[in-house]
C-alpha atoms as a PDB file:
ATOM      1  CA  MET A   1      18.909   7.658  10.932  1.00  0.00           C
ATOM      2  CA  SER A   2      15.198   7.114  10.432  1.00  0.00           C
ATOM      3  CA  GLY A   3      13.843  10.664  10.045  1.00  0.00           C
ATOM      4  CA  ALA A   4      10.208  11.334  10.941  1.00  0.00           C
ATOM      5  CA  CYS A   5       9.314   7.637  10.699  1.00  0.00           C
ATOM      6  CA  GLY A   6      10.914   6.822  14.029  1.00  0.00           C
ATOM      7  CA  SER A   7      11.453   3.092  14.397  1.00  0.00           C
ATOM      8  CA  CYS A   8       8.853   2.187  11.738  1.00  0.00           C
ATOM      9  CA  THR A   9      10.443   0.574   8.673  1.00  0.00           C
ATOM     10  CA  LEU A  10       7.557  -1.479   7.250  1.00  0.00           C
ATOM     11  CA  CYS A  11       7.593   0.395   3.923  1.00  0.00           C
ATOM     12  CA  CYS A  12      11.260  -0.647   3.627  1.00  0.00           C
ATOM     13  CA  THR A  13      10.038  -4.240   3.426  1.00  0.00           C
ATOM     14  CA  LEU A  14       6.647  -4.126   1.724  1.00  0.00           C
ATOM     15  CA  MET A  15       7.205  -1.498  -0.970  1.00  0.00           C
ATOM     16  CA  LYS A  16       8.967  -1.953  -4.294  1.00  0.00           C
ATOM     17  CA  VAL A  17      11.661   0.693  -4.780  1.00  0.00           C
ATOM     18  CA  THR A  18      13.267   1.786  -8.038  1.00  0.00           C
ATOM     19  CA  MET A  19      16.935   1.979  -7.125  1.00  0.00           C
ATOM     20  CA  GLU A  20      20.203   0.244  -7.952  1.00  0.00           C
ATOM     21  CA  PRO A  21      20.015  -2.609  -7.408  1.00  0.00           C
ATOM     22  CA  PRO A  22      16.180  -2.645  -7.552  1.00  0.00           C
ATOM     23  CA  LYS A  23      14.392  -3.511  -4.308  1.00  0.00           C
ATOM     24  CA  PRO A  24      11.526  -5.930  -4.936  1.00  0.00           C
ATOM     25  CA  ALA A  25       8.263  -5.701  -3.013  1.00  0.00           C
ATOM     26  CA  ARG A  26       8.012  -7.846   0.140  1.00  0.00           C
ATOM     27  CA  GLN A  27      11.774  -8.080   0.631  1.00  0.00           C
ATOM     28  CA  SER A  28      13.721  -6.093   3.193  1.00  0.00           C
ATOM     29  CA  CYS A  29      15.847  -3.322   1.782  1.00  0.00           C
ATOM     30  CA  GLN A  30      19.557  -3.900   2.179  1.00  0.00           C
ATOM     31  CA  TYR A  31      19.830  -0.504   3.921  1.00  0.00           C
ATOM     32  CA  CYS A  32      17.059  -1.148   6.458  1.00  0.00           C
ATOM     33  CA  THR A  33      18.296  -1.591  10.035  1.00  0.00           C
ATOM     34  CA  ASN A  34      16.595  -1.776  13.440  1.00  0.00           C
ATOM     35  CA  GLY A  35      17.327   1.940  13.769  1.00  0.00           C
ATOM     36  CA  GLY A  36      15.875   2.868  10.380  1.00  0.00           C
ATOM     37  CA  CYS A  37      17.483   3.596   7.033  1.00  0.00           C
ATOM     38  CA  SER A  38      21.268   3.437   7.102  1.00  0.00           C
ATOM     39  CA  ILE A  39      21.477   5.730   4.030  1.00  0.00           C
ATOM     40  CA  TYR A  40      18.618   8.061   5.055  1.00  0.00           C
ATOM     41  CA  GLU A  41      20.379  11.273   3.947  1.00  0.00           C
ATOM     42  CA  ALA A  42      21.267   9.717   0.549  1.00  0.00           C
ATOM     43  CA  ARG A  43      18.202   7.468   0.095  1.00  0.00           C
ATOM     44  CA  PRO A  44      16.744   6.936  -3.405  1.00  0.00           C
ATOM     45  CA  ASP A  45      14.384   9.559  -4.854  1.00  0.00           C
ATOM     46  CA  ALA A  46      11.485   7.100  -4.627  1.00  0.00           C
ATOM     47  CA  CYS A  47      12.003   6.937  -0.863  1.00  0.00           C
ATOM     48  CA  VAL A  48      12.450  10.693  -0.513  1.00  0.00           C
ATOM     49  CA  GLY A  49       9.148  11.267  -2.311  1.00  0.00           C
ATOM     50  CA  PHE A  50       7.160   8.640  -0.395  1.00  0.00           C
ATOM     51  CA  LYS A  51       5.126   9.351   2.718  1.00  0.00           C
ATOM     52  CA  CYS A  52       2.609   6.800   3.957  1.00  0.00           C
ATOM     53  CA  LEU A  53      -0.890   8.011   4.803  1.00  0.00           C
ATOM     54  CA  TRP A  54      -0.330   7.464   8.504  1.00  0.00           C
ATOM     55  CA  LEU A  55       2.759   9.680   8.552  1.00  0.00           C
ATOM     56  CA  ALA A  56       1.124  12.336   6.349  1.00  0.00           C
ATOM     57  CA  SER A  57      -1.903  12.421   8.660  1.00  0.00           C
ATOM     58  CA  GLN A  58       0.300  13.258  11.641  1.00  0.00           C
ATOM     59  CA  GLU A  59       1.138  16.591  10.016  1.00  0.00           C
ATOM     60  CA  ILE A  60      -2.517  17.729  10.035  1.00  0.00           C
ATOM     61  CA  PRO A  61      -3.452  19.026  13.501  1.00  0.00           C
ATOM     62  CA  GLY A  62      -6.524  17.246  14.841  1.00  0.00           C
ATOM     63  CA  HIS A  63      -6.662  14.774  11.943  1.00  0.00           C
ATOM     64  CA  GLY A  64      -3.836  12.368  12.700  1.00  0.00           C
ATOM     65  CA  LEU A  65      -4.689   8.701  12.377  1.00  0.00           C
ATOM     66  CA  SER A  66      -4.616   6.595  15.528  1.00  0.00           C
ATOM     67  CA  SER A  67      -1.259   5.320  16.753  1.00  0.00           C
ATOM     68  CA  LEU A  68      -2.798   1.834  16.370  1.00  0.00           C
ATOM     69  CA  MET A  69      -2.790   2.448  12.590  1.00  0.00           C
ATOM     70  CA  ARG A  70       0.921   3.219  12.451  1.00  0.00           C
ATOM     71  CA  PRO A  71       2.343   0.720   9.926  1.00  0.00           C
ATOM     72  CA  ASP A  72       4.658  -1.111  12.315  1.00  0.00           C
ATOM     73  CA  ARG A  73       1.732  -1.602  14.720  1.00  0.00           C
ATOM     74  CA  SER A  74      -1.072  -2.344  12.232  1.00  0.00           C
ATOM     75  CA  GLY A  75       0.929  -4.316   9.682  1.00  0.00           C
ATOM     76  CA  VAL A  76      -0.434  -2.045   6.926  1.00  0.00           C
ATOM     77  CA  VAL A  77       1.339   0.682   4.943  1.00  0.00           C
ATOM     78  CA  MET A  78      -1.312   2.850   3.297  1.00  0.00           C
ATOM     79  CA  ASP A  79      -0.561   4.781   0.147  1.00  0.00           C
ATOM     80  CA  LEU A  80      -2.685   7.105  -2.000  1.00  0.00           C
ATOM     81  CA  ASN A  81      -1.968   7.158  -5.714  1.00  0.00           C
ATOM     82  CA  GLU A  82      -2.587   9.975  -8.201  1.00  0.00           C
ATOM     83  CA  ALA A  83      -5.942   8.459  -9.227  1.00  0.00           C
ATOM     84  CA  GLY A  84      -7.239   8.695  -5.653  1.00  0.00           C
ATOM     85  CA  THR A  85      -6.995   4.964  -5.004  1.00  0.00           C
ATOM     86  CA  ILE A  86      -5.955   3.897  -1.533  1.00  0.00           C
ATOM     87  CA  ILE A  87      -3.549   0.982  -1.566  1.00  0.00           C
ATOM     88  CA  ALA A  88      -3.201  -0.926   1.692  1.00  0.00           C
ATOM     89  CA  HIS A  89       0.072  -2.874   1.546  1.00  0.00           C
ATOM     90  CA  CYS A  90      -0.504  -5.605   4.125  1.00  0.00           C
ATOM     91  CA  ARG A  91       2.244  -7.542   5.900  1.00  0.00           C
ATOM     92  CA  LEU A  92      -0.118 -10.501   6.410  1.00  0.00           C
ATOM     93  CA  PRO A  93      -3.286 -11.435   4.473  1.00  0.00           C
ATOM     94  CA  GLY A  94      -5.567 -10.392   7.347  1.00  0.00           C
ATOM     95  CA  SER A  95      -3.687  -7.330   8.623  1.00  0.00           C
ATOM     96  CA  TRP A  96      -6.364  -5.017   7.228  1.00  0.00           C
ATOM     97  CA  LYS A  97      -9.145  -6.767   9.197  1.00  0.00           C
ATOM     98  CA  ARG A  98      -8.100  -5.478  12.630  1.00  0.00           C
ATOM     99  CA  GLU A  99      -9.694  -2.398  14.173  1.00  0.00           C
ATOM    100  CA  PRO A 100      -9.387   0.526  13.793  1.00  0.00           C
ATOM    101  CA  MET A 101      -7.903  -0.218  10.351  1.00  0.00           C
ATOM    102  CA  LEU A 102     -10.964  -2.144   9.163  1.00  0.00           C
ATOM    103  CA  ALA A 103     -13.437   0.645   9.965  1.00  0.00           C
ATOM    104  CA  TRP A 104     -11.211   3.258   8.336  1.00  0.00           C
ATOM    105  CA  LEU A 105     -10.724   1.246   5.142  1.00  0.00           C
ATOM    106  CA  LEU A 106     -14.439   0.422   4.869  1.00  0.00           C
ATOM    107  CA  ARG A 107     -15.346   4.091   5.274  1.00  0.00           C
ATOM    108  CA  TYR A 108     -13.090   4.951   2.351  1.00  0.00           C
ATOM    109  CA  ALA A 109     -14.166   1.929   0.285  1.00  0.00           C
ATOM    110  CA  ALA A 110     -17.613   3.567   0.161  1.00  0.00           C
ATOM    111  CA  ARG A 111     -16.040   6.653  -1.505  1.00  0.00           C
ATOM    112  CA  THR A 112     -13.138   5.464  -3.601  1.00  0.00           C
ATOM    113  CA  ASN A 113     -11.256   2.360  -4.694  1.00  0.00           C
ATOM    114  CA  VAL A 114      -9.358   0.604  -1.925  1.00  0.00           C
ATOM    115  CA  ILE A 115      -6.908  -2.050  -3.061  1.00  0.00           C
ATOM    116  CA  LEU A 116      -5.596  -4.573  -0.561  1.00  0.00           C
ATOM    117  CA  ASP A 117      -2.091  -5.686  -1.541  1.00  0.00           C
ATOM    118  CA  THR A 118      -1.423  -8.844   0.481  1.00  0.00           C
ATOM    119  CA  PRO A 119       1.081 -11.703   0.270  1.00  0.00           C
ATOM    120  CA  LEU A 120      -1.696 -13.697  -1.450  1.00  0.00           C
ATOM    121  CA  GLY A 121      -2.362 -11.089  -4.148  1.00  0.00           C
ATOM    122  CA  SER A 122      -4.404  -7.956  -4.706  1.00  0.00           C
ATOM    123  CA  GLU A 123      -8.079  -7.478  -3.930  1.00  0.00           C
ATOM    124  CA  LEU A 124     -10.601  -4.670  -4.275  1.00  0.00           C
ATOM    125  CA  LEU A 125     -12.279  -3.938  -0.941  1.00  0.00           C
ATOM    126  CA  LYS A 126     -16.037  -3.342  -1.050  1.00  0.00           C
ATOM    127  CA  PRO A 127     -17.862  -1.227   1.570  1.00  0.00           C
ATOM    128  CA  ASN A 128     -19.471  -4.414   2.984  1.00  0.00           C
ATOM    129  CA  ALA A 129     -16.009  -5.889   3.759  1.00  0.00           C
ATOM    130  CA  GLN A 130     -16.235  -8.369   0.874  1.00  0.00           C
ATOM    131  CA  THR A 131     -13.377  -8.412  -1.616  1.00  0.00           C
ATOM    132  CA  ASP A 132     -12.956  -9.035  -5.337  1.00  0.00           C
ATOM    133  CA  PRO A 133      -9.665 -10.665  -6.375  1.00  0.00           C
ATOM    134  CA  LEU A 134      -7.727  -8.504  -8.829  1.00  0.00           C
ATOM    135  CA  GLU A 135      -5.262  -9.338 -11.554  1.00  0.00           C
ATOM    136  CA  ARG A 136      -2.572  -6.841 -12.474  1.00  0.00           C
ATOM    137  CA  VAL A 137      -2.725  -6.408 -16.235  1.00  0.00           C
ATOM    138  CA  GLY A 138      -0.091  -3.763 -16.818  1.00  0.00           C
ATOM    139  CA  ILE A 139       1.095  -0.227 -16.218  1.00  0.00           C
ATOM    140  CA  ASP A 140      -0.574   2.846 -17.680  1.00  0.00           C
ATOM    141  CA  PRO A 141       2.061   4.384 -19.986  1.00  0.00           C
ATOM    142  CA  ILE A 142       0.999   7.952 -19.175  1.00  0.00           C
ATOM    143  CA  SER A 143       0.366   7.898 -15.430  1.00  0.00           C
ATOM    144  CA  ASN A 144       2.707   4.980 -14.623  1.00  0.00           C
ATOM    145  CA  LEU A 145      -0.065   3.594 -12.361  1.00  0.00           C
ATOM    146  CA  ARG A 146      -0.661  -0.143 -12.067  1.00  0.00           C
ATOM    147  CA  LEU A 147      -3.697  -1.352 -13.996  1.00  0.00           C
ATOM    148  CA  TYR A 148      -5.942  -4.002 -12.451  1.00  0.00           C
ATOM    149  CA  VAL A 149      -9.036  -5.908 -13.534  1.00  0.00           C
ATOM    150  CA  ARG A 150     -11.334  -8.045 -11.408  1.00  0.00           C
ATOM    151  CA  ARG A 151     -10.419 -11.705 -11.941  1.00  0.00           C
ATOM    152  CA  SER A 152     -14.103 -12.513 -12.514  1.00  0.00           C
ATOM    153  CA  ASP A 153     -14.227  -9.930 -15.332  1.00  0.00           C
ATOM    154  CA  LEU A 154     -10.946 -11.175 -16.787  1.00  0.00           C
ATOM    155  CA  ALA A 155     -12.359 -14.705 -16.948  1.00  0.00           C
ATOM    156  CA  LYS A 156     -15.390 -13.379 -18.851  1.00  0.00           C
ATOM    157  CA  PHE A 157     -13.141 -11.690 -21.397  1.00  0.00           C
ATOM    158  CA  GLN A 158     -10.971 -14.772 -21.785  1.00  0.00           C
ATOM    159  CA  ASP A 159     -14.031 -16.990 -22.274  1.00  0.00           C
ATOM    160  CA  GLY A 160     -15.403 -14.605 -24.901  1.00  0.00           C
ATOM    161  CA  ALA A 161     -18.531 -13.909 -22.825  1.00  0.00           C
ATOM    162  CA  VAL A 162     -18.066 -10.128 -23.148  1.00  0.00           C
ATOM    163  CA  SER A 163     -17.774  -8.496 -26.522  1.00  0.00           C
END
């Protein structure tokens, strides 16, 4: 059973899931099948509470994202965290560069932080389509959100250039 996701299971591969045993990011979930989640009715709370931006948009009449942006077609699972940051979990390093995904992400990069999570690492997307490599430096103990710093800024701190 796959629920409202239909045949799309990309989040089942790209996303990290807190469950027993834990499911690491970028590894297929043991319960993921061609037909969807084999334990859909009893899936972990993290899965119950997750809805990608594409799927959430389909519930808003007249505002649904293009079918070309559906994760299994675009190669990108988009998520919005509590801080208002859009995280684009990309199957391949360049998945985010295809239209209409690129235009959509750039539009939002002009308004908020857009993090590209690719197999090569994380990057901050700028409105001009340039990126800044990011380094994950921890987890905020209150919000439980991942904390990132630009690698260029981290190098400055490590070299003592910023006080």
